[in-house]
Protein backbone atom coordinates (compact mmCIF):
# COMPACT_ATOMS: atom_id res chain seq x y z
CA MET A 1 22.59 -9.17 21.53
CA LYS A 2 20.46 -7.74 24.35
CA LYS A 3 21.35 -4.21 23.18
CA MET A 4 20.17 -4.98 19.67
CA GLU A 5 16.97 -6.53 21.02
CA SER A 6 16.31 -3.34 22.98
CA VAL A 7 16.91 -1.22 19.88
CA GLU A 8 14.67 -3.36 17.69
CA PHE A 9 11.82 -3.55 20.20
CA SER A 10 12.12 0.20 20.80
CA ARG A 11 11.77 0.77 17.07
CA TYR A 12 8.81 -1.62 16.80
CA LEU A 13 7.03 0.03 19.72
CA SER A 14 7.63 3.51 18.32
CA MET A 15 6.34 2.35 14.94
CA LEU A 16 3.24 0.84 16.54
CA THR A 17 2.51 3.98 18.54
CA LEU A 18 3.05 6.28 15.57
CA SER A 19 0.87 4.08 13.35
CA VAL A 20 -2.02 4.27 15.82
CA HIS A 21 -1.55 7.93 16.65
CA VAL A 22 -1.39 9.04 13.02
CA VAL A 23 -4.96 7.78 12.49
CA PHE A 24 -6.34 10.06 15.19
CA ALA A 25 -3.87 12.88 14.55
CA THR A 26 -4.83 13.03 10.87
CA VAL A 27 -8.52 13.17 11.74
CA GLY A 28 -7.73 15.71 14.45
CA VAL A 29 -5.99 18.03 12.01
CA GLY A 30 -8.28 17.58 9.01
CA VAL A 31 -11.86 17.31 10.25
CA PRO A 32 -12.15 20.79 11.91
CA LEU A 33 -11.84 22.39 8.47
CA PHE A 34 -14.82 20.38 7.23
CA ILE A 35 -16.92 21.16 10.28
CA MET A 36 -16.17 24.81 9.65
CA ILE A 37 -17.06 24.65 5.93
CA ALA A 38 -20.29 22.73 6.56
CA HIS A 39 -21.36 25.19 9.26
CA TRP A 40 -20.53 28.14 7.00
CA LEU A 41 -22.56 26.64 4.12
CA GLY A 42 -25.48 26.04 6.47
CA LEU A 43 -25.52 29.70 7.52
CA ARG A 44 -24.87 31.10 4.05
CA ARG A 45 -27.55 28.99 2.33
CA GLY A 46 -29.94 28.75 5.24
CA ASP A 47 -29.63 24.96 4.94
CA GLU A 48 -30.32 23.04 8.15
CA GLN A 49 -28.81 19.88 6.69
CA TYR A 50 -25.35 21.42 6.50
CA LEU A 51 -25.70 22.70 10.06
CA LEU A 52 -26.67 19.22 11.21
CA MET A 53 -23.72 17.83 9.25
CA ALA A 54 -21.35 20.13 11.14
CA LYS A 55 -22.90 19.13 14.44
CA ARG A 56 -22.68 15.38 13.77
CA TRP A 57 -19.13 15.61 12.49
CA ALA A 58 -18.17 17.55 15.62
CA ARG A 59 -19.63 14.82 17.86
CA GLY A 60 -17.54 12.14 16.20
CA TYR A 61 -14.53 14.42 16.16
CA VAL A 62 -14.57 14.76 19.95
CA ILE A 63 -14.11 10.98 20.29
CA SER A 64 -11.07 11.01 18.02
CA VAL A 65 -9.59 13.94 19.95
CA ALA A 66 -9.98 12.09 23.24
CA VAL A 67 -8.22 8.98 21.94
CA GLY A 68 -5.58 11.12 20.22
CA VAL A 69 -4.69 12.58 23.63
CA VAL A 70 -3.96 9.08 24.91
CA THR A 71 -1.79 8.06 21.97
CA GLY A 72 -0.05 11.45 21.94
CA THR A 73 0.77 11.09 25.61
CA ALA A 74 2.15 7.62 24.88
CA ILE A 75 4.51 9.11 22.28
CA ALA A 76 5.81 11.68 24.78
CA LEU A 77 6.30 8.95 27.38
CA GLN A 78 8.09 6.65 24.97
CA LEU A 79 10.47 9.37 23.81
CA ALA A 80 11.77 9.58 27.37
CA LEU A 81 11.74 5.85 28.11
CA LEU A 82 12.84 4.35 24.79
CA TRP A 83 15.15 7.04 23.46
CA PRO A 84 16.78 8.60 26.57
CA LYS A 85 20.07 9.48 24.88
CA PHE A 86 18.26 11.27 22.07
CA MET A 87 16.19 13.28 24.54
CA GLU A 88 19.28 14.01 26.61
CA MET A 89 21.04 15.39 23.56
CA ALA A 90 18.21 17.06 21.63
CA GLY A 91 15.38 17.43 24.16
CA GLN A 92 16.36 20.95 25.17
CA VAL A 93 16.55 22.03 21.52
CA VAL A 94 13.02 20.87 20.64
CA ALA A 95 11.43 21.78 23.97
CA LEU A 96 9.85 24.92 22.48
CA PRO A 97 7.80 23.24 19.70
CA LEU A 98 6.85 20.41 22.06
CA PHE A 99 5.48 22.93 24.55
CA MET A 100 3.77 24.97 21.83
CA GLU A 101 2.10 21.83 20.46
CA THR A 102 0.55 21.21 23.88
CA PHE A 103 -0.57 24.85 24.05
CA ALA A 104 -2.12 24.63 20.56
CA PHE A 105 -4.01 21.48 21.52
CA PHE A 106 -5.50 23.05 24.65
CA PHE A 107 -6.37 26.17 22.65
CA GLU A 108 -8.27 23.96 20.17
CA ALA A 109 -9.91 21.80 22.86
CA ILE A 110 -11.23 24.76 24.86
CA PHE A 111 -13.01 26.34 21.90
CA LEU A 112 -14.23 22.94 20.66
CA GLY A 113 -15.93 22.36 24.02
CA ILE A 114 -17.53 25.80 23.93
CA TYR A 115 -18.69 25.19 20.34
CA LEU A 116 -20.33 21.87 21.22
CA TYR A 117 -22.20 23.13 24.26
CA THR A 118 -23.45 26.44 22.89
CA TRP A 119 -25.68 25.31 20.04
CA ASN A 120 -28.72 27.63 19.70
CA ARG A 121 -27.49 29.84 22.54
CA PHE A 122 -26.34 32.80 20.47
CA LYS A 123 -28.73 35.48 19.25
CA ASN A 124 -26.52 35.88 16.20
CA PRO A 125 -25.75 32.41 14.73
CA LYS A 126 -22.52 33.75 13.20
CA HIS A 127 -21.04 34.15 16.67
CA HIS A 128 -21.36 30.42 17.19
CA PHE A 129 -19.63 29.80 13.87
CA TYR A 130 -16.72 32.04 14.87
CA LEU A 131 -15.83 29.54 17.62
CA LEU A 132 -14.68 27.15 14.90
CA ILE A 133 -11.92 29.49 13.73
CA PRO A 134 -9.67 28.87 16.79
CA VAL A 135 -10.54 25.16 16.62
CA ALA A 136 -9.28 24.87 13.03
CA LEU A 137 -6.30 27.14 13.73
CA GLY A 138 -5.39 25.19 16.86
CA ALA A 139 -5.48 21.89 14.96
CA GLY A 140 -3.27 23.30 12.20
CA MET A 141 -0.81 24.88 14.64
CA SER A 142 -0.60 21.65 16.60
CA ALA A 143 0.42 19.86 13.39
CA LEU A 144 2.92 22.59 12.59
CA PHE A 145 4.72 22.42 15.94
CA ILE A 146 4.93 18.65 16.25
CA THR A 147 5.96 18.23 12.62
CA SER A 148 8.75 20.75 13.14
CA VAL A 149 10.22 18.33 15.69
CA ASN A 150 10.25 15.57 13.10
CA ALA A 151 11.72 17.99 10.58
CA PHE A 152 14.48 18.85 13.05
CA MET A 153 15.37 15.16 13.28
CA ASN A 154 15.90 15.18 9.51
CA THR A 155 17.78 18.48 9.24
CA PRO A 156 19.10 19.36 12.71
CA GLN A 157 20.30 22.92 13.25
CA GLY A 158 20.12 25.71 15.83
CA PHE A 159 22.99 24.58 18.07
CA ALA A 160 26.70 23.94 18.20
CA LEU A 161 28.12 20.53 19.10
CA VAL A 162 31.18 20.79 21.35
CA ASP A 163 32.72 17.64 22.83
CA GLY A 164 29.47 15.76 22.28
CA LYS A 165 27.38 18.40 24.06
CA LEU A 166 24.99 20.94 22.61
CA THR A 167 25.84 24.60 23.14
CA ASN A 168 24.65 27.94 21.73
CA ILE A 169 21.10 26.58 21.45
CA GLN A 170 18.73 28.65 19.30
CA PRO A 171 15.23 27.11 19.58
CA LEU A 172 13.64 29.19 16.82
CA LEU A 173 16.40 28.36 14.36
CA ALA A 174 16.06 24.70 15.29
CA MET A 175 12.29 24.79 14.80
CA PHE A 176 12.44 26.62 11.46
CA ASN A 177 14.88 24.16 9.93
CA PRO A 178 15.20 23.42 6.17
CA ALA A 179 12.87 20.40 6.30
CA MET A 180 10.07 22.25 8.09
CA PRO A 181 8.32 24.03 5.17
CA THR A 182 7.84 20.98 2.97
CA LYS A 183 7.09 18.61 5.85
CA VAL A 184 4.49 20.87 7.45
CA ALA A 185 2.88 21.61 4.09
CA HIS A 186 2.76 17.90 3.26
CA VAL A 187 1.29 16.97 6.65
CA LEU A 188 -1.43 19.62 6.42
CA THR A 189 -2.48 19.00 2.82
CA SER A 190 -2.46 15.21 3.24
CA ALA A 191 -4.44 15.49 6.50
CA TYR A 192 -7.13 17.58 4.81
CA MET A 193 -7.15 15.20 1.85
CA THR A 194 -7.45 12.14 4.06
CA ALA A 195 -10.18 13.68 6.22
CA ALA A 196 -12.10 14.51 3.05
CA PHE A 197 -12.02 10.94 1.79
CA VAL A 198 -12.81 9.45 5.21
CA LEU A 199 -15.94 11.61 5.48
CA ALA A 200 -16.78 10.92 1.83
CA SER A 201 -16.52 7.17 2.36
CA ILE A 202 -19.02 7.39 5.23
CA ALA A 203 -21.52 9.30 3.08
CA ALA A 204 -20.98 6.88 0.18
CA PHE A 205 -21.52 3.93 2.50
CA HIS A 206 -24.98 5.21 3.46
CA LEU A 207 -25.87 5.84 -0.18
CA LEU A 208 -24.62 2.37 -1.12
CA ARG A 209 -26.90 0.88 1.53
CA GLY A 210 -29.87 2.56 -0.08
CA SER A 211 -30.28 5.89 1.69
CA ARG A 212 -32.09 8.43 -0.46
CA SER A 213 -31.53 11.38 1.84
CA SER A 214 -30.07 14.50 0.25
CA TYR A 215 -28.07 14.88 3.47
CA HIS A 216 -25.63 12.13 2.44
CA ARG A 217 -25.52 13.33 -1.19
CA LYS A 218 -24.58 16.81 -0.03
CA GLY A 219 -21.97 15.43 2.33
CA LEU A 220 -20.45 13.29 -0.43
CA ALA A 221 -20.37 16.15 -2.94
CA LEU A 222 -18.82 18.56 -0.45
CA THR A 223 -16.07 16.23 0.73
CA MET A 224 -15.17 14.90 -2.72
CA LYS A 225 -14.76 18.41 -4.13
CA ILE A 226 -12.47 19.41 -1.28
CA GLY A 227 -10.72 16.04 -1.52
CA LEU A 228 -9.86 16.79 -5.15
CA VAL A 229 -8.40 20.19 -4.23
CA PHE A 230 -6.19 18.80 -1.49
CA SER A 231 -5.13 15.69 -3.41
CA ILE A 232 -3.75 17.99 -6.11
CA ALA A 233 -2.16 20.20 -3.44
CA THR A 234 -0.56 17.14 -1.82
CA ALA A 235 0.92 16.11 -5.17
CA LEU A 236 2.39 19.58 -5.72
CA VAL A 237 3.92 19.59 -2.22
CA GLY A 238 5.21 16.08 -2.89
CA ASP A 239 7.12 17.46 -5.87
CA LEU A 240 8.77 20.04 -3.59
CA SER A 241 9.53 17.28 -1.09
CA GLY A 242 11.37 15.34 -3.80
CA LYS A 243 13.54 18.37 -4.55
CA PHE A 244 14.22 18.78 -0.83
CA LEU A 245 15.34 15.15 -0.50
CA ALA A 246 17.68 15.49 -3.45
CA GLU A 247 19.46 18.39 -1.73
CA TYR A 248 19.42 17.36 1.93
CA GLN A 249 18.83 13.58 2.00
CA PRO A 250 19.98 12.18 -1.36
CA GLU A 251 20.44 8.72 0.15
CA LYS A 252 16.74 8.59 1.04
CA LEU A 253 15.66 9.59 -2.46
CA ALA A 254 18.07 7.11 -4.05
CA ALA A 255 16.84 4.27 -1.83
CA ALA A 256 13.21 5.13 -2.57
CA GLU A 257 13.93 4.98 -6.31
CA TRP A 258 16.45 2.11 -6.25
CA HIS A 259 18.83 4.53 -7.91
CA PHE A 260 22.36 3.17 -7.57
CA GLU A 261 24.49 5.02 -10.15
CA THR A 262 24.99 8.78 -10.10
CA GLU A 263 23.80 9.93 -13.51
CA GLY A 264 21.88 12.47 -15.50
CA GLU A 265 18.70 11.67 -17.43
CA ALA A 266 17.76 9.40 -14.52
CA PRO A 267 14.54 7.38 -14.89
CA LEU A 268 11.77 7.18 -12.30
CA ILE A 269 11.25 3.60 -11.16
CA LEU A 270 7.80 2.45 -10.07
CA PHE A 271 6.97 -0.96 -8.62
CA GLY A 272 9.21 -3.90 -9.56
CA THR A 273 11.40 -6.19 -7.48
CA LEU A 274 15.06 -6.07 -6.46
CA THR A 275 17.43 -9.01 -6.69
CA GLU A 276 20.30 -9.75 -4.29
CA THR A 277 22.68 -8.14 -6.78
CA ASN A 278 20.57 -4.96 -6.81
CA GLU A 279 19.14 -5.63 -10.25
CA VAL A 280 15.70 -4.08 -10.75
CA LYS A 281 13.14 -6.36 -12.41
CA TYR A 282 9.52 -6.01 -13.55
CA ALA A 283 9.52 -2.27 -12.84
CA ILE A 284 7.91 0.56 -14.76
CA LYS A 285 10.66 2.97 -15.76
CA ILE A 286 9.72 6.47 -16.84
CA PRO A 287 12.70 7.88 -18.75
CA TYR A 288 14.24 11.15 -17.45
CA ALA A 289 11.44 11.57 -14.90
CA LEU A 290 13.62 11.39 -11.76
CA SER A 291 15.98 14.03 -13.13
CA PHE A 292 13.02 16.23 -13.95
CA LEU A 293 11.50 15.68 -10.49
CA VAL A 294 14.74 16.74 -8.81
CA HIS A 295 16.03 19.48 -11.10
CA SER A 296 13.02 20.47 -13.24
CA ASN A 297 15.02 19.48 -16.31
CA PHE A 298 15.47 16.13 -17.99
CA SER A 299 19.28 15.94 -17.84
CA GLY A 300 19.95 16.87 -14.19
CA GLU A 301 22.35 14.61 -12.31
CA VAL A 302 20.89 12.52 -9.48
CA LYS A 303 23.18 11.06 -6.83
CA GLY A 304 23.16 7.27 -6.58
CA LEU A 305 23.57 4.96 -3.59
CA ASN A 306 26.92 3.69 -4.84
CA ASP A 307 28.43 7.09 -4.05
CA ILE A 308 27.10 7.04 -0.48
CA PRO A 309 28.78 5.01 2.31
CA LYS A 310 26.97 1.70 2.63
CA GLU A 311 26.54 2.06 6.39
CA ASN A 312 24.39 5.13 5.74
CA HIS A 313 22.06 3.46 3.25
CA PRO A 314 18.39 3.46 4.28
CA PRO A 315 16.53 0.13 3.99
CA LEU A 316 15.64 -0.39 0.34
CA VAL A 317 12.16 -1.55 1.36
CA ILE A 318 11.12 2.11 1.45
CA HIS A 319 10.69 1.85 -2.33
CA TYR A 320 7.50 -0.15 -1.76
CA LEU A 321 6.24 2.38 0.78
CA PHE A 322 6.89 5.22 -1.65
CA ASP A 323 5.08 3.32 -4.41
CA ALA A 324 2.08 2.66 -2.17
CA MET A 325 1.83 6.31 -1.14
CA VAL A 326 2.11 7.66 -4.68
CA THR A 327 -0.15 5.05 -6.28
CA ILE A 328 -2.97 5.58 -3.80
CA GLY A 329 -2.58 9.35 -4.06
CA ILE A 330 -2.87 9.29 -7.84
CA GLY A 331 -5.81 6.88 -7.65
CA LEU A 332 -7.73 9.10 -5.23
CA THR A 333 -7.04 12.15 -7.37
CA VAL A 334 -8.45 10.40 -10.44
CA LEU A 335 -11.43 9.09 -8.46
CA SER A 336 -12.34 12.51 -7.06
CA LEU A 337 -11.84 14.18 -10.45
CA ALA A 338 -14.14 11.63 -12.09
CA TYR A 339 -16.77 12.24 -9.41
CA VAL A 340 -16.61 16.04 -9.65
CA ILE A 341 -16.83 16.00 -13.47
CA GLY A 342 -19.60 13.39 -13.33
CA LEU A 343 -21.52 15.47 -10.80
CA ARG A 344 -21.29 18.63 -12.90
CA ARG A 345 -22.34 16.85 -16.09
CA ASN A 346 -24.93 14.66 -14.40
CA TRP A 347 -23.30 11.40 -15.48
CA ARG A 348 -25.09 8.37 -14.11
CA PHE A 349 -21.99 6.26 -13.56
CA ILE A 350 -21.21 8.10 -10.30
CA GLN A 351 -24.40 6.61 -8.87
CA ASN A 352 -23.79 2.98 -9.81
CA LYS A 353 -22.86 0.39 -7.23
CA LEU A 354 -19.27 -0.21 -8.36
CA PHE A 355 -18.35 3.47 -8.32
CA ARG A 356 -19.89 3.95 -4.90
CA MET A 357 -17.92 0.97 -3.64
CA LEU A 358 -14.77 2.75 -4.80
CA LEU A 359 -15.92 5.85 -2.94
CA VAL A 360 -16.43 3.79 0.22
CA ALA A 361 -12.91 2.40 -0.18
CA SER A 362 -11.40 5.88 -0.63
CA GLY A 363 -11.33 6.61 3.11
CA PRO A 364 -9.42 3.48 4.19
CA LEU A 365 -7.11 3.85 1.18
CA ALA A 366 -6.31 7.46 2.07
CA MET A 367 -5.49 6.42 5.63
CA LEU A 368 -3.29 3.61 4.27
CA ALA A 369 -1.42 6.18 2.15
CA ILE A 370 -0.86 8.31 5.26
CA GLN A 371 0.58 5.29 7.05
CA ALA A 372 2.85 4.44 4.13
CA GLY A 373 4.01 8.05 4.02
CA TRP A 374 4.98 8.12 7.68
CA TRP A 375 6.70 4.74 7.50
CA PHE A 376 8.59 6.01 4.46
CA THR A 377 9.64 9.12 6.39
CA GLU A 378 10.82 7.30 9.50
CA VAL A 379 12.34 4.18 7.95
CA GLY A 380 13.92 6.30 5.22
CA ARG A 381 15.88 8.31 7.81
CA GLN A 382 17.59 5.17 9.12
CA PRO A 383 20.20 4.49 10.35
CA TRP A 384 19.89 7.95 11.92
CA ILE A 385 17.54 9.16 14.62
CA LEU A 386 19.13 12.62 14.37
CA ASN A 387 20.33 12.83 10.81
CA GLY A 388 24.11 12.92 10.55
CA LEU A 389 24.62 13.28 14.32
CA MET A 390 23.18 10.32 16.23
CA LYS A 391 22.35 6.85 15.01
CA THR A 392 19.25 5.03 16.17
CA LYS A 393 21.23 2.21 17.78
CA ASP A 394 23.09 4.75 19.94
CA ALA A 395 19.95 6.55 21.10
CA ALA A 396 17.90 3.63 22.41
CA THR A 397 17.50 2.39 25.96
CA THR A 398 19.51 -0.62 27.09
CA SER A 399 16.66 -1.99 29.19
CA PRO A 400 15.97 -5.69 28.48
CA HIS A 401 12.26 -5.24 29.28
CA VAL A 402 11.14 -3.21 26.24
CA TRP A 403 9.32 -6.26 24.89
CA LEU A 404 7.01 -6.14 27.90
CA MET A 405 6.22 -2.50 27.13
CA PHE A 406 5.51 -3.50 23.54
CA ILE A 407 2.95 -6.11 24.62
CA ALA A 408 1.35 -3.76 27.16
CA PHE A 409 0.96 -0.91 24.68
CA ALA A 410 -0.22 -3.26 21.93
CA VAL A 411 -3.04 -4.43 24.22
CA LEU A 412 -3.84 -0.81 25.12
CA TYR A 413 -4.03 0.24 21.47
CA LEU A 414 -6.17 -2.75 20.58
CA ILE A 415 -8.64 -1.80 23.31
CA LEU A 416 -8.59 1.84 22.21
CA MET A 417 -9.19 1.01 18.53
CA ILE A 418 -11.99 -1.45 19.25
CA GLY A 419 -13.53 0.85 21.84
CA THR A 420 -13.42 3.83 19.51
CA GLY A 421 -15.06 1.83 16.73
CA VAL A 422 -17.81 0.58 19.05
CA VAL A 423 -18.52 4.03 20.51
CA LEU A 424 -18.67 5.76 17.12
CA THR A 425 -20.79 3.00 15.59
CA ARG A 426 -23.31 3.03 18.42
CA MET A 427 -23.35 6.82 18.58
CA PHE A 428 -24.43 7.21 14.97
CA LYS A 429 -26.27 3.93 14.44
CA LYS A 430 -28.73 4.65 17.24
CA ASN A 431 -29.21 8.19 16.04
CA PRO A 432 -28.95 8.21 12.22
CA ALA A 433 -29.09 11.46 10.30
CA GLU A 434 -32.53 10.66 8.89
CA LEU A 435 -34.00 10.18 12.37
CA GLU A 436 -32.38 13.34 13.68
CA MET A 437 -33.70 15.35 10.72
CA GLU A 438 -37.18 13.94 11.29
CA LYS A 439 -37.09 14.95 14.97
CA ARG A 440 -35.94 18.45 14.07
CA GLY A 441 -38.42 18.85 11.23
CA ILE A 442 -35.68 19.09 8.59
CA ALA A 443 -36.62 17.97 5.08
CA LEU A 444 -34.93 14.73 4.06
């Protein structure tokens, strides 16, 4: 009983830490691209508003980076404390990407600091802009390396297992595992998409409150256009991810779709409820769609859960997480498409209160989709921590005091989240864009 309590609390604490960290990690990966684009537009068009936009976004970004360091450090600490047997077995295999992720972060942080403290100190303004290139690259590489570790947990390779011990370790082969391409692509595109909608929701909030400054209109237009691009890209990568799951983790795909019988012409199941006898009710079934998603043809055979040992079934609750992720993603794609078309054709509906309220909601919804996606990824791998090799219950600590760690970290995260919100609110509320433009003599 105590062992199971340790396992469950270890899982809850890891889930809590990941849920908090993913907020700051997503911002940390996505926002540098937007700072870079805004700065480039400011130089190209000679527009001081875009340059100010880049500067203000960079200020807020620094806060998220600082908090992300804390939550990232907590993840590293908890890997050692909560999952010692996993680290003992696989730690040496994934040491390379873990080290490279730290290197990429410091690479990004160094150039970000130089960028922030060298405004108006270059004779050629382009030289200041060039500092953003390593910042954006560092953020992307950081995501690549740390995601490769998660990918390894789903498709472990790059070693030989002899008498329960790893031998013939090949770190590069382990890092470039079959899950890496789709996972890294999905993390990057979804991070850029989410960052776009978070920044767009801030601009829409100011416009909803009555601001007439072109600064916020430009910010909204820029972020919604890029949000549309990356929401479509995320959907395309999601299609590749579905094909990957069908080949390497069919049990995860079947659980996500409540697909029990192996069959061709398999339907895609959205929403609905599941009875105790595994009967699907009140769902939307799209005929042949699951077969097409997996095989790019309508008659392809999709493996069902009934042909997979029951002890290896993921929790069927991941269906709801998958639905949430997909539904929000489609909704944001439609919203951004409507805005971009409305902007080009000068439709008035994009300026009405209801539509702007939807724009304000797009940021929190995008972040909720990111959370649902990560929960789907981690819960969907259960009962394995290292797919096919080590189960979660065998990897956890046996300490009976994990619940104390859970409470301590929960309090820490609460303080961090509240503190971050207060700092960011005060930072920008006391120095709004309109006031800063007035001080600098920039036209509103």
